[in-house]
Amino acid sequence: MKFVDEVDIEIKAGKGGNGIASFRKEKYIEFGGPDGGDGGDGGSIYLKGTKNLNTLADFRTKKKFDAKNGENGKNKNKTGAKGDDLDILVPLGTIVLNADNGVLISELMHHGEKLLVAKGGKHGFGNLRFKSSTNRAPRKATKGTEGEELSLKLELKLLAEAGFLGKPNAGKSSLMRAMTKAKPKVANYPFTTLNPSLGVVDIGYGESYVIADIPGLIEGAADGIGLGMQFLKHLSRTNILLHIIDIQNVENNKVNTDLSEINLELKKFDEDLSKKKQYIIFNKIDLLSSEDLNIIKNEVYKSYEKKDVFFTSTVNNKGIEELKKYIYNELEKLNTN
């Protein structure tokens, strides 16, 4: 399914049913009193968060939503049926804005959470409501009101506790597969990852956390070059960023260049995002001999603290379990502060 993270929809709540003017018609009663019933309220529209969706793709084919109208009142003082409410399911992390003016309405963060976005119209009154000591046979009845109608913009920001960053072909998708049960596409060419993906990192004993992978970033991403910048917003809710670097770039003296380029793009996009805690993951260590790897580690530790650096291989799973558990522990510390 294609990943969709922005969509505009039109919604219209149900109209309230009309009250009616009627009079009792009973045998031997020539002038029966008023018995017109009220109409039913129109159905309202709610957005409802669900953990079973992770994209807004369902809205590609359906963009207009209408709740049911309330029924008109009936004689014998019978009230019309209320129009059914409409629940529209959206993934967790969905931001709801008024499409006409861009004003933020709310966001849905929890499974089962509901947000009223269009209130149904109020019912009209039947003529029985207007009976009084001075008006024993009122003919007045009122109409139901229209339901609310508006345009909404839905924007999805994925909910993840940690997120991958890196240049194209750094091995982010392979690392995602190794750390989680997610199955992103893996190939040896740039921009293999075309859409964001989420994976659950299971560390055992029923404990886990969610990690996000986005397309690789390149210099100039903030100006529209490459694929990753349009998805950076999905890292805005993370607590930790994992910067994945192909270890061969150490030999080519490109590490500082890669880090500075990507952090510059982060800052251009959102300065708060650039301030998040980052860990550096040197991936693909299976491409080096043990001797060369030790030489590179010594060089790396001259510039970076050991606790902020990891060395991994998705081919032989080296360093994977250590990384998973360390990130979990760091997230736990952040959650308790």
C-alpha atoms as a PDB file:
ATOM      1  CA  MET A   1       0.000   0.000   0.000  1.00  0.00           C
ATOM      2  CA  LYS A   2       1.292   3.454  -0.918  1.00  0.00           C
ATOM      3  CA  PHE A   3       2.350   5.588   2.029  1.00  0.00           C
ATOM      4  CA  VAL A   4       0.216   8.739   2.327  1.00  0.00           C
ATOM      5  CA  ASP A   5       0.859  11.258   5.103  1.00  0.00           C
ATOM      6  CA  GLU A   6      -1.273  14.253   4.048  1.00  0.00           C
ATOM      7  CA  VAL A   7      -4.840  14.443   2.778  1.00  0.00           C
ATOM      8  CA  ASP A   8      -7.754  16.884   2.592  1.00  0.00           C
ATOM      9  CA  ILE A   9     -11.280  15.634   3.305  1.00  0.00           C
ATOM     10  CA  GLU A  10     -14.774  17.138   3.288  1.00  0.00           C
ATOM     11  CA  ILE A  11     -17.178  16.284   6.106  1.00  0.00           C
ATOM     12  CA  LYS A  12     -20.843  17.090   6.712  1.00  0.00           C
ATOM     13  CA  ALA A  13     -22.778  16.166   9.821  1.00  0.00           C
ATOM     14  CA  GLY A  14     -26.398  15.093   9.530  1.00  0.00           C
ATOM     15  CA  LYS A  15     -29.299  17.550   9.426  1.00  0.00           C
ATOM     16  CA  GLY A  16     -31.721  17.558  12.322  1.00  0.00           C
ATOM     17  CA  GLY A  17     -35.136  16.117  11.539  1.00  0.00           C
ATOM     18  CA  ASN A  18     -38.135  18.459  11.303  1.00  0.00           C
ATOM     19  CA  GLY A  19     -40.848  18.584  13.912  1.00  0.00           C
ATOM     20  CA  ILE A  20     -44.344  18.116  12.480  1.00  0.00           C
ATOM     21  CA  ALA A  21     -47.706  19.701  13.053  1.00  0.00           C
ATOM     22  CA  SER A  22     -50.449  17.097  13.458  1.00  0.00           C
ATOM     23  CA  PHE A  23     -53.576  16.518  15.520  1.00  0.00           C
ATOM     24  CA  ARG A  24     -55.081  13.482  17.147  1.00  0.00           C
ATOM     25  CA  LYS A  25     -57.556  11.665  14.973  1.00  0.00           C
ATOM     26  CA  GLU A  26     -59.654   9.452  17.188  1.00  0.00           C
ATOM     27  CA  LYS A  27     -63.142   8.094  16.808  1.00  0.00           C
ATOM     28  CA  TYR A  28     -65.810  10.269  18.410  1.00  0.00           C
ATOM     29  CA  ILE A  29     -63.280  13.092  18.998  1.00  0.00           C
ATOM     30  CA  GLU A  30     -63.958  15.770  16.434  1.00  0.00           C
ATOM     31  CA  PHE A  31     -61.266  18.217  17.505  1.00  0.00           C
ATOM     32  CA  GLY A  32     -58.270  16.246  18.765  1.00  0.00           C
ATOM     33  CA  GLY A  33     -55.412  18.110  20.358  1.00  0.00           C
ATOM     34  CA  PRO A  34     -51.909  18.520  18.885  1.00  0.00           C
ATOM     35  CA  ASP A  35     -49.719  15.413  18.784  1.00  0.00           C
ATOM     36  CA  GLY A  36     -46.858  16.359  16.447  1.00  0.00           C
ATOM     37  CA  GLY A  37     -43.553  14.831  17.538  1.00  0.00           C
ATOM     38  CA  ASP A  38     -40.051  16.311  17.495  1.00  0.00           C
ATOM     39  CA  GLY A  39     -37.516  15.390  14.855  1.00  0.00           C
ATOM     40  CA  GLY A  40     -34.346  13.434  15.638  1.00  0.00           C
ATOM     41  CA  ASP A  41     -30.918  15.032  15.995  1.00  0.00           C
ATOM     42  CA  GLY A  42     -28.552  14.701  13.053  1.00  0.00           C
ATOM     43  CA  GLY A  43     -25.600  12.351  13.302  1.00  0.00           C
ATOM     44  CA  SER A  44     -22.240  13.812  14.309  1.00  0.00           C
ATOM     45  CA  ILE A  45     -18.836  12.973  12.810  1.00  0.00           C
ATOM     46  CA  TYR A  46     -15.863  11.843  14.881  1.00  0.00           C
ATOM     47  CA  LEU A  47     -12.278  11.019  14.030  1.00  0.00           C
ATOM     48  CA  LYS A  48     -11.140   7.922  15.900  1.00  0.00           C
ATOM     49  CA  GLY A  49      -7.525   6.914  16.441  1.00  0.00           C
ATOM     50  CA  THR A  50      -6.561   3.318  15.740  1.00  0.00           C
ATOM     51  CA  LYS A  51      -3.294   1.432  16.115  1.00  0.00           C
ATOM     52  CA  ASN A  52      -4.287  -0.755  13.164  1.00  0.00           C
ATOM     53  CA  LEU A  53      -3.458   1.913  10.556  1.00  0.00           C
ATOM     54  CA  ASN A  54      -0.110   3.550   9.789  1.00  0.00           C
ATOM     55  CA  THR A  55      -0.963   5.584   6.684  1.00  0.00           C
ATOM     56  CA  LEU A  56      -3.731   7.844   5.378  1.00  0.00           C
ATOM     57  CA  ALA A  57      -3.871   5.856   2.129  1.00  0.00           C
ATOM     58  CA  ASP A  58      -7.525   4.876   2.638  1.00  0.00           C
ATOM     59  CA  PHE A  59      -8.472   8.507   1.972  1.00  0.00           C
ATOM     60  CA  ARG A  60      -7.098   8.420  -1.587  1.00  0.00           C
ATOM     61  CA  THR A  61     -10.364   7.001  -2.893  1.00  0.00           C
ATOM     62  CA  LYS A  62     -12.849   8.468  -0.414  1.00  0.00           C
ATOM     63  CA  LYS A  63     -12.588  12.109   0.577  1.00  0.00           C
ATOM     64  CA  LYS A  64     -16.185  13.079   1.348  1.00  0.00           C
ATOM     65  CA  PHE A  65     -17.995  11.883   4.463  1.00  0.00           C
ATOM     66  CA  ASP A  66     -21.606  12.472   5.489  1.00  0.00           C
ATOM     67  CA  ALA A  67     -23.333  11.447   8.706  1.00  0.00           C
ATOM     68  CA  LYS A  68     -26.991  10.388   8.635  1.00  0.00           C
ATOM     69  CA  ASN A  69     -29.797  12.919   8.913  1.00  0.00           C
ATOM     70  CA  GLY A  70     -32.233  12.753  11.794  1.00  0.00           C
ATOM     71  CA  GLU A  71     -35.725  11.552  10.882  1.00  0.00           C
ATOM     72  CA  ASN A  72     -38.727  13.856  10.945  1.00  0.00           C
ATOM     73  CA  GLY A  73     -41.131  13.652  13.856  1.00  0.00           C
ATOM     74  CA  LYS A  74     -44.343  11.615  13.599  1.00  0.00           C
ATOM     75  CA  ASN A  75     -47.882  11.924  14.830  1.00  0.00           C
ATOM     76  CA  LYS A  76     -48.973  10.518  18.175  1.00  0.00           C
ATOM     77  CA  ASN A  77     -46.074  12.484  19.677  1.00  0.00           C
ATOM     78  CA  LYS A  78     -43.455  10.109  18.267  1.00  0.00           C
ATOM     79  CA  THR A  79     -39.940  11.491  18.013  1.00  0.00           C
ATOM     80  CA  GLY A  80     -37.980  10.887  14.832  1.00  0.00           C
ATOM     81  CA  ALA A  81     -34.963   8.598  15.055  1.00  0.00           C
ATOM     82  CA  LYS A  82     -31.571  10.202  15.637  1.00  0.00           C
ATOM     83  CA  GLY A  83     -29.164  10.047  12.703  1.00  0.00           C
ATOM     84  CA  ASP A  84     -26.293   7.589  13.196  1.00  0.00           C
ATOM     85  CA  ASP A  85     -22.971   9.116  14.171  1.00  0.00           C
ATOM     86  CA  LEU A  86     -20.025   8.447  11.850  1.00  0.00           C
ATOM     87  CA  ASP A  87     -16.592   7.365  13.105  1.00  0.00           C
ATOM     88  CA  ILE A  88     -13.711   7.930  10.676  1.00  0.00           C
ATOM     89  CA  LEU A  89     -10.663   5.826  11.541  1.00  0.00           C
ATOM     90  CA  VAL A  90      -7.237   7.497  11.376  1.00  0.00           C
ATOM     91  CA  PRO A  91      -3.755   6.291  12.381  1.00  0.00           C
ATOM     92  CA  LEU A  92      -2.230   7.356  15.671  1.00  0.00           C
ATOM     93  CA  GLY A  93      -0.205  10.517  15.289  1.00  0.00           C
ATOM     94  CA  THR A  94      -2.736  12.199  12.985  1.00  0.00           C
ATOM     95  CA  ILE A  95      -2.849  15.985  13.247  1.00  0.00           C
ATOM     96  CA  VAL A  96      -6.192  17.610  12.390  1.00  0.00           C
ATOM     97  CA  LEU A  97      -6.311  21.122  10.920  1.00  0.00           C
ATOM     98  CA  ASN A  98      -8.989  23.342   9.445  1.00  0.00           C
ATOM     99  CA  ALA A  99      -8.153  23.162   5.734  1.00  0.00           C
ATOM    100  CA  ASP A 100      -9.485  26.667   5.054  1.00  0.00           C
ATOM    101  CA  ASN A 101      -7.351  28.599   7.526  1.00  0.00           C
ATOM    102  CA  GLY A 102      -4.704  26.116   8.704  1.00  0.00           C
ATOM    103  CA  VAL A 103      -5.754  26.371  12.355  1.00  0.00           C
ATOM    104  CA  LEU A 104      -4.827  23.322  14.441  1.00  0.00           C
ATOM    105  CA  ILE A 105      -7.907  21.552  15.806  1.00  0.00           C
ATOM    106  CA  SER A 106      -6.290  18.668  17.669  1.00  0.00           C
ATOM    107  CA  GLU A 107      -4.302  15.464  17.239  1.00  0.00           C
ATOM    108  CA  LEU A 108      -5.053  11.819  17.938  1.00  0.00           C
ATOM    109  CA  MET A 109      -2.379   9.974  19.900  1.00  0.00           C
ATOM    110  CA  HIS A 110      -4.148   7.046  21.597  1.00  0.00           C
ATOM    111  CA  HIS A 111      -5.977   3.953  20.379  1.00  0.00           C
ATOM    112  CA  GLY A 112      -9.734   4.468  20.651  1.00  0.00           C
ATOM    113  CA  GLU A 113      -9.435   8.228  21.224  1.00  0.00           C
ATOM    114  CA  LYS A 114     -12.288  10.131  19.573  1.00  0.00           C
ATOM    115  CA  LEU A 115     -12.458  13.718  18.384  1.00  0.00           C
ATOM    116  CA  LEU A 116     -15.737  15.441  17.527  1.00  0.00           C
ATOM    117  CA  VAL A 117     -15.130  17.339  14.278  1.00  0.00           C
ATOM    118  CA  ALA A 118     -18.674  18.057  13.043  1.00  0.00           C
ATOM    119  CA  LYS A 119     -21.726  18.244  15.295  1.00  0.00           C
ATOM    120  CA  GLY A 120     -25.050  17.036  14.005  1.00  0.00           C
ATOM    121  CA  GLY A 121     -27.931  19.468  13.531  1.00  0.00           C
ATOM    122  CA  LYS A 122     -30.497  19.961  16.300  1.00  0.00           C
ATOM    123  CA  HIS A 123     -33.975  18.515  15.938  1.00  0.00           C
ATOM    124  CA  GLY A 124     -37.031  20.608  15.175  1.00  0.00           C
ATOM    125  CA  PHE A 125     -40.008  20.795  17.556  1.00  0.00           C
ATOM    126  CA  GLY A 126     -43.422  19.305  16.875  1.00  0.00           C
ATOM    127  CA  ASN A 127     -46.569  21.358  17.462  1.00  0.00           C
ATOM    128  CA  LEU A 128     -47.298  19.612  20.760  1.00  0.00           C
ATOM    129  CA  ARG A 129     -44.423  21.673  22.197  1.00  0.00           C
ATOM    130  CA  PHE A 130     -46.330  24.880  21.524  1.00  0.00           C
ATOM    131  CA  LYS A 131     -49.609  23.960  23.198  1.00  0.00           C
ATOM    132  CA  SER A 132     -50.535  26.417  25.936  1.00  0.00           C
ATOM    133  CA  SER A 133     -53.526  27.621  27.943  1.00  0.00           C
ATOM    134  CA  THR A 134     -54.099  30.301  25.349  1.00  0.00           C
ATOM    135  CA  ASN A 135     -53.319  28.209  22.271  1.00  0.00           C
ATOM    136  CA  ARG A 136     -54.928  24.794  22.494  1.00  0.00           C
ATOM    137  CA  ALA A 137     -54.387  23.911  18.831  1.00  0.00           C
ATOM    138  CA  PRO A 138     -51.023  25.283  17.704  1.00  0.00           C
ATOM    139  CA  ARG A 139     -50.093  24.736  14.103  1.00  0.00           C
ATOM    140  CA  LYS A 140     -46.503  25.801  14.596  1.00  0.00           C
ATOM    141  CA  ALA A 141     -43.669  23.294  14.132  1.00  0.00           C
ATOM    142  CA  THR A 142     -39.977  24.045  13.591  1.00  0.00           C
ATOM    143  CA  LYS A 143     -37.439  22.618  11.198  1.00  0.00           C
ATOM    144  CA  GLY A 144     -34.249  20.892  12.222  1.00  0.00           C
ATOM    145  CA  THR A 145     -30.970  22.768  11.759  1.00  0.00           C
ATOM    146  CA  GLU A 146     -28.226  21.870   9.341  1.00  0.00           C
ATOM    147  CA  GLY A 147     -25.265  19.816  10.564  1.00  0.00           C
ATOM    148  CA  GLU A 148     -21.799  21.331  10.672  1.00  0.00           C
ATOM    149  CA  GLU A 149     -19.830  21.176   7.451  1.00  0.00           C
ATOM    150  CA  LEU A 150     -16.132  21.839   6.975  1.00  0.00           C
ATOM    151  CA  SER A 151     -12.929  20.895   5.207  1.00  0.00           C
ATOM    152  CA  LEU A 152     -10.179  19.162   7.171  1.00  0.00           C
ATOM    153  CA  LYS A 153      -6.502  18.644   6.475  1.00  0.00           C
ATOM    154  CA  LEU A 154      -5.118  15.476   8.027  1.00  0.00           C
ATOM    155  CA  GLU A 155      -1.368  15.208   8.526  1.00  0.00           C
ATOM    156  CA  LEU A 156       0.321  12.092   9.854  1.00  0.00           C
ATOM    157  CA  LYS A 157       3.420  12.170  12.022  1.00  0.00           C
ATOM    158  CA  LEU A 158       4.475   8.643  12.867  1.00  0.00           C
ATOM    159  CA  LEU A 159       4.790   7.761  16.537  1.00  0.00           C
ATOM    160  CA  ALA A 160       8.242   6.356  17.178  1.00  0.00           C
ATOM    161  CA  GLU A 161      10.612   6.621  20.119  1.00  0.00           C
ATOM    162  CA  ALA A 162      13.802   6.413  18.068  1.00  0.00           C
ATOM    163  CA  GLY A 163      14.553   7.208  14.445  1.00  0.00           C
ATOM    164  CA  PHE A 164      17.180   6.376  11.835  1.00  0.00           C
ATOM    165  CA  LEU A 165      19.100   9.085   9.995  1.00  0.00           C
ATOM    166  CA  GLY A 166      21.720   8.699   7.340  1.00  0.00           C
ATOM    167  CA  LYS A 167      22.859   9.127   3.775  1.00  0.00           C
ATOM    168  CA  PRO A 168      21.327   6.893   1.092  1.00  0.00           C
ATOM    169  CA  ASN A 169      22.714   3.349   1.065  1.00  0.00           C
ATOM    170  CA  ALA A 170      24.176   3.603   4.576  1.00  0.00           C
ATOM    171  CA  GLY A 171      22.404   0.372   5.567  1.00  0.00           C
ATOM    172  CA  LYS A 172      19.448   1.822   7.482  1.00  0.00           C
ATOM    173  CA  SER A 173      16.905  -0.602   6.031  1.00  0.00           C
ATOM    174  CA  SER A 174      19.140  -3.601   6.681  1.00  0.00           C
ATOM    175  CA  LEU A 175      19.574  -2.456  10.264  1.00  0.00           C
ATOM    176  CA  MET A 176      15.804  -2.019  10.597  1.00  0.00           C
ATOM    177  CA  ARG A 177      15.308  -5.633   9.470  1.00  0.00           C
ATOM    178  CA  ALA A 178      17.964  -6.848  11.891  1.00  0.00           C
ATOM    179  CA  MET A 179      16.574  -4.968  14.899  1.00  0.00           C
ATOM    180  CA  THR A 180      12.855  -5.463  14.251  1.00  0.00           C
ATOM    181  CA  LYS A 181      10.366  -7.659  12.440  1.00  0.00           C
ATOM    182  CA  ALA A 182       9.791  -4.978   9.804  1.00  0.00           C
ATOM    183  CA  LYS A 183      10.615  -5.933   6.218  1.00  0.00           C
ATOM    184  CA  PRO A 184      11.734  -2.795   4.381  1.00  0.00           C
ATOM    185  CA  LYS A 185      13.158  -3.179   0.895  1.00  0.00           C
ATOM    186  CA  VAL A 186      16.921  -3.719   0.904  1.00  0.00           C
ATOM    187  CA  ALA A 187      19.179  -3.292  -2.128  1.00  0.00           C
ATOM    188  CA  ASN A 188      22.617  -1.968  -2.981  1.00  0.00           C
ATOM    189  CA  TYR A 189      21.630   1.338  -4.550  1.00  0.00           C
ATOM    190  CA  PRO A 190      20.692   4.789  -3.249  1.00  0.00           C
ATOM    191  CA  PHE A 191      17.105   5.626  -2.284  1.00  0.00           C
ATOM    192  CA  THR A 192      16.035   2.019  -1.842  1.00  0.00           C
ATOM    193  CA  THR A 193      13.764   3.303   0.932  1.00  0.00           C
ATOM    194  CA  LEU A 194      11.065   5.426  -0.699  1.00  0.00           C
ATOM    195  CA  ASN A 195       8.653   5.705   2.235  1.00  0.00           C
ATOM    196  CA  PRO A 196       8.931   5.887   6.033  1.00  0.00           C
ATOM    197  CA  SER A 197       8.507   2.633   7.916  1.00  0.00           C
ATOM    198  CA  LEU A 198       8.032   1.632  11.541  1.00  0.00           C
ATOM    199  CA  GLY A 199       9.377  -1.382  13.360  1.00  0.00           C
ATOM    200  CA  VAL A 200       9.022  -2.719  16.900  1.00  0.00           C
ATOM    201  CA  VAL A 201      12.271  -3.569  18.651  1.00  0.00           C
ATOM    202  CA  ASP A 202      11.628  -6.513  20.985  1.00  0.00           C
ATOM    203  CA  ILE A 203      14.206  -6.841  23.738  1.00  0.00           C
ATOM    204  CA  GLY A 204      12.468  -9.648  25.612  1.00  0.00           C
ATOM    205  CA  TYR A 205      10.460  -9.883  28.840  1.00  0.00           C
ATOM    206  CA  GLY A 206       7.573  -8.130  27.136  1.00  0.00           C
ATOM    207  CA  GLU A 207       9.565  -4.897  26.705  1.00  0.00           C
ATOM    208  CA  SER A 208       9.886  -3.098  23.366  1.00  0.00           C
ATOM    209  CA  TYR A 209      10.106   0.276  21.636  1.00  0.00           C
ATOM    210  CA  VAL A 210       9.247   1.651  18.202  1.00  0.00           C
ATOM    211  CA  ILE A 211      11.799   2.854  15.681  1.00  0.00           C
ATOM    212  CA  ALA A 212      11.268   4.795  12.435  1.00  0.00           C
ATOM    213  CA  ASP A 213      13.258   4.649   9.205  1.00  0.00           C
ATOM    214  CA  ILE A 214      13.004   7.385   6.575  1.00  0.00           C
ATOM    215  CA  PRO A 215      14.588   7.736   3.104  1.00  0.00           C
ATOM    216  CA  GLY A 216      18.228   8.786   3.087  1.00  0.00           C
ATOM    217  CA  LEU A 217      19.145  12.461   3.326  1.00  0.00           C
ATOM    218  CA  ILE A 218      21.585  14.251   1.061  1.00  0.00           C
ATOM    219  CA  GLU A 219      23.053  17.731   0.958  1.00  0.00           C
ATOM    220  CA  GLY A 220      20.423  20.191  -0.251  1.00  0.00           C
ATOM    221  CA  ALA A 221      17.513  18.128   1.073  1.00  0.00           C
ATOM    222  CA  ALA A 222      16.029  21.212   2.727  1.00  0.00           C
ATOM    223  CA  ASP A 223      15.840  22.729  -0.741  1.00  0.00           C
ATOM    224  CA  GLY A 224      13.958  19.744  -2.152  1.00  0.00           C
ATOM    225  CA  ILE A 225      16.827  17.560  -3.354  1.00  0.00           C
ATOM    226  CA  GLY A 226      16.389  13.826  -2.729  1.00  0.00           C
ATOM    227  CA  LEU A 227      13.548  12.062  -0.954  1.00  0.00           C
ATOM    228  CA  GLY A 228      14.126  12.302   2.783  1.00  0.00           C
ATOM    229  CA  MET A 229      13.243  15.888   3.646  1.00  0.00           C
ATOM    230  CA  GLN A 230       9.514  15.493   3.034  1.00  0.00           C
ATOM    231  CA  PHE A 231       9.500  12.735   5.668  1.00  0.00           C
ATOM    232  CA  LEU A 232      11.643  14.402   8.350  1.00  0.00           C
ATOM    233  CA  LYS A 233       8.507  15.435  10.224  1.00  0.00           C
ATOM    234  CA  HIS A 234       8.075  11.758  11.136  1.00  0.00           C
ATOM    235  CA  LEU A 235      11.140  12.048  13.371  1.00  0.00           C
ATOM    236  CA  SER A 236       9.781  15.043  15.269  1.00  0.00           C
ATOM    237  CA  ARG A 237       8.185  12.894  17.982  1.00  0.00           C
ATOM    238  CA  THR A 238      11.215  10.679  18.546  1.00  0.00           C
ATOM    239  CA  ASN A 239      13.376  11.002  21.652  1.00  0.00           C
ATOM    240  CA  ILE A 240      16.590   9.640  20.135  1.00  0.00           C
ATOM    241  CA  LEU A 241      18.138   9.760  16.658  1.00  0.00           C
ATOM    242  CA  LEU A 242      20.406   7.000  15.386  1.00  0.00           C
ATOM    243  CA  HIS A 243      22.783   8.301  12.748  1.00  0.00           C
ATOM    244  CA  ILE A 244      23.779   5.392  10.489  1.00  0.00           C
ATOM    245  CA  ILE A 245      27.114   5.672   8.672  1.00  0.00           C
ATOM    246  CA  ASP A 246      28.727   3.234   6.252  1.00  0.00           C
ATOM    247  CA  ILE A 247      32.004   2.413   8.004  1.00  0.00           C
ATOM    248  CA  GLN A 248      33.834   2.654   4.685  1.00  0.00           C
ATOM    249  CA  ASN A 249      33.319   6.415   4.957  1.00  0.00           C
ATOM    250  CA  VAL A 250      35.751   6.429   7.891  1.00  0.00           C
ATOM    251  CA  GLU A 251      38.501   5.222   5.615  1.00  0.00           C
ATOM    252  CA  ASN A 252      37.499   7.891   3.118  1.00  0.00           C
ATOM    253  CA  ASN A 253      37.507  10.606   5.836  1.00  0.00           C
ATOM    254  CA  LYS A 254      33.861  11.411   5.116  1.00  0.00           C
ATOM    255  CA  VAL A 255      32.348  10.903   8.586  1.00  0.00           C
ATOM    256  CA  ASN A 256      32.500  14.501   9.754  1.00  0.00           C
ATOM    257  CA  THR A 257      31.263  15.651   6.360  1.00  0.00           C
ATOM    258  CA  ASP A 258      28.263  13.302   6.481  1.00  0.00           C
ATOM    259  CA  LEU A 259      27.383  14.283  10.046  1.00  0.00           C
ATOM    260  CA  SER A 260      27.687  18.008   9.460  1.00  0.00           C
ATOM    261  CA  GLU A 261      25.725  17.905   6.193  1.00  0.00           C
ATOM    262  CA  ILE A 262      22.803  16.003   7.671  1.00  0.00           C
ATOM    263  CA  ASN A 263      22.707  18.030  10.874  1.00  0.00           C
ATOM    264  CA  LEU A 264      22.661  21.193   8.789  1.00  0.00           C
ATOM    265  CA  GLU A 265      19.650  19.862   6.884  1.00  0.00           C
ATOM    266  CA  LEU A 266      17.957  18.974  10.195  1.00  0.00           C
ATOM    267  CA  LYS A 267      18.523  22.484  11.483  1.00  0.00           C
ATOM    268  CA  LYS A 268      17.095  24.009   8.304  1.00  0.00           C
ATOM    269  CA  PHE A 269      14.007  21.859   8.682  1.00  0.00           C
ATOM    270  CA  ASP A 270      13.480  22.187  12.445  1.00  0.00           C
ATOM    271  CA  GLU A 271      16.041  23.459  14.929  1.00  0.00           C
ATOM    272  CA  ASP A 272      14.457  21.432  17.753  1.00  0.00           C
ATOM    273  CA  LEU A 273      14.925  18.258  15.703  1.00  0.00           C
ATOM    274  CA  SER A 274      18.627  19.015  15.276  1.00  0.00           C
ATOM    275  CA  LYS A 275      19.001  19.256  19.077  1.00  0.00           C
ATOM    276  CA  LYS A 276      17.767  15.726  19.804  1.00  0.00           C
ATOM    277  CA  LYS A 277      20.231  13.251  21.271  1.00  0.00           C
ATOM    278  CA  GLN A 278      22.115  11.401  18.524  1.00  0.00           C
ATOM    279  CA  TYR A 279      24.046   8.154  18.552  1.00  0.00           C
ATOM    280  CA  ILE A 280      26.404   7.217  15.752  1.00  0.00           C
ATOM    281  CA  ILE A 281      26.116   3.713  14.304  1.00  0.00           C
ATOM    282  CA  PHE A 282      29.005   2.606  12.106  1.00  0.00           C
ATOM    283  CA  ASN A 283      27.437  -0.110   9.988  1.00  0.00           C
ATOM    284  CA  LYS A 284      28.789  -2.793   7.614  1.00  0.00           C
ATOM    285  CA  ILE A 285      31.786  -3.703   9.788  1.00  0.00           C
ATOM    286  CA  ASP A 286      31.782  -7.132   8.117  1.00  0.00           C
ATOM    287  CA  LEU A 287      33.502  -5.456   5.161  1.00  0.00           C
ATOM    288  CA  LEU A 288      36.652  -4.885   7.249  1.00  0.00           C
ATOM    289  CA  SER A 289      39.230  -7.193   8.733  1.00  0.00           C
ATOM    290  CA  SER A 290      39.530  -7.288  12.525  1.00  0.00           C
ATOM    291  CA  GLU A 291      42.818  -5.419  12.320  1.00  0.00           C
ATOM    292  CA  ASP A 292      41.385  -2.632  10.144  1.00  0.00           C
ATOM    293  CA  LEU A 293      38.292  -2.396  12.346  1.00  0.00           C
ATOM    294  CA  ASN A 294      40.411  -1.903  15.471  1.00  0.00           C
ATOM    295  CA  ILE A 295      42.413   0.827  13.755  1.00  0.00           C
ATOM    296  CA  ILE A 296      39.189   2.615  12.769  1.00  0.00           C
ATOM    297  CA  LYS A 297      37.730   2.261  16.269  1.00  0.00           C
ATOM    298  CA  ASN A 298      40.802   3.916  17.742  1.00  0.00           C
ATOM    299  CA  GLU A 299      40.455   6.779  15.277  1.00  0.00           C
ATOM    300  CA  VAL A 300      36.739   7.169  15.961  1.00  0.00           C
ATOM    301  CA  TYR A 301      37.216   7.236  19.742  1.00  0.00           C
ATOM    302  CA  LYS A 302      39.548  10.206  19.353  1.00  0.00           C
ATOM    303  CA  SER A 303      36.596  12.294  18.117  1.00  0.00           C
ATOM    304  CA  TYR A 304      33.546  10.716  19.764  1.00  0.00           C
ATOM    305  CA  GLU A 305      32.689   9.355  23.197  1.00  0.00           C
ATOM    306  CA  LYS A 306      32.550   5.565  23.339  1.00  0.00           C
ATOM    307  CA  LYS A 307      29.052   5.589  24.871  1.00  0.00           C
ATOM    308  CA  ASP A 308      27.712   7.449  21.841  1.00  0.00           C
ATOM    309  CA  VAL A 309      29.204   5.142  19.212  1.00  0.00           C
ATOM    310  CA  PHE A 310      28.270   1.638  18.055  1.00  0.00           C
ATOM    311  CA  PHE A 311      29.711  -0.725  15.463  1.00  0.00           C
ATOM    312  CA  THR A 312      27.305  -3.118  13.740  1.00  0.00           C
ATOM    313  CA  SER A 313      26.967  -5.669  10.994  1.00  0.00           C
ATOM    314  CA  THR A 314      23.624  -6.937   9.742  1.00  0.00           C
ATOM    315  CA  VAL A 315      25.388  -9.771   7.903  1.00  0.00           C
ATOM    316  CA  ASN A 316      26.625 -11.523  11.057  1.00  0.00           C
ATOM    317  CA  ASN A 317      24.468  -9.580  13.594  1.00  0.00           C
ATOM    318  CA  LYS A 318      27.473  -8.165  15.407  1.00  0.00           C
ATOM    319  CA  GLY A 319      26.611  -5.347  17.807  1.00  0.00           C
ATOM    320  CA  ILE A 320      22.872  -5.601  17.134  1.00  0.00           C
ATOM    321  CA  GLU A 321      21.716  -6.900  20.521  1.00  0.00           C
ATOM    322  CA  GLU A 322      23.998  -4.516  22.381  1.00  0.00           C
ATOM    323  CA  LEU A 323      22.565  -1.586  20.404  1.00  0.00           C
ATOM    324  CA  LYS A 324      18.941  -2.653  20.948  1.00  0.00           C
ATOM    325  CA  LYS A 325      19.322  -2.915  24.717  1.00  0.00           C
ATOM    326  CA  TYR A 326      21.371   0.260  25.109  1.00  0.00           C
ATOM    327  CA  ILE A 327      18.803   2.364  23.241  1.00  0.00           C
ATOM    328  CA  TYR A 328      16.001   0.813  25.308  1.00  0.00           C
ATOM    329  CA  ASN A 329      17.777   1.738  28.543  1.00  0.00           C
ATOM    330  CA  GLU A 330      18.392   5.293  27.330  1.00  0.00           C
ATOM    331  CA  LEU A 331      14.719   5.669  26.401  1.00  0.00           C
ATOM    332  CA  GLU A 332      13.726   4.412  29.841  1.00  0.00           C
ATOM    333  CA  LYS A 333      15.940   7.055  31.451  1.00  0.00           C
ATOM    334  CA  LEU A 334      14.325   9.782  29.350  1.00  0.00           C
ATOM    335  CA  ASN A 335      10.842   8.550  30.226  1.00  0.00           C
ATOM    336  CA  THR A 336      11.538   8.674  33.952  1.00  0.00           C
ATOM    337  CA  ASN A 337      13.044  12.189  33.916  1.00  0.00           C
END
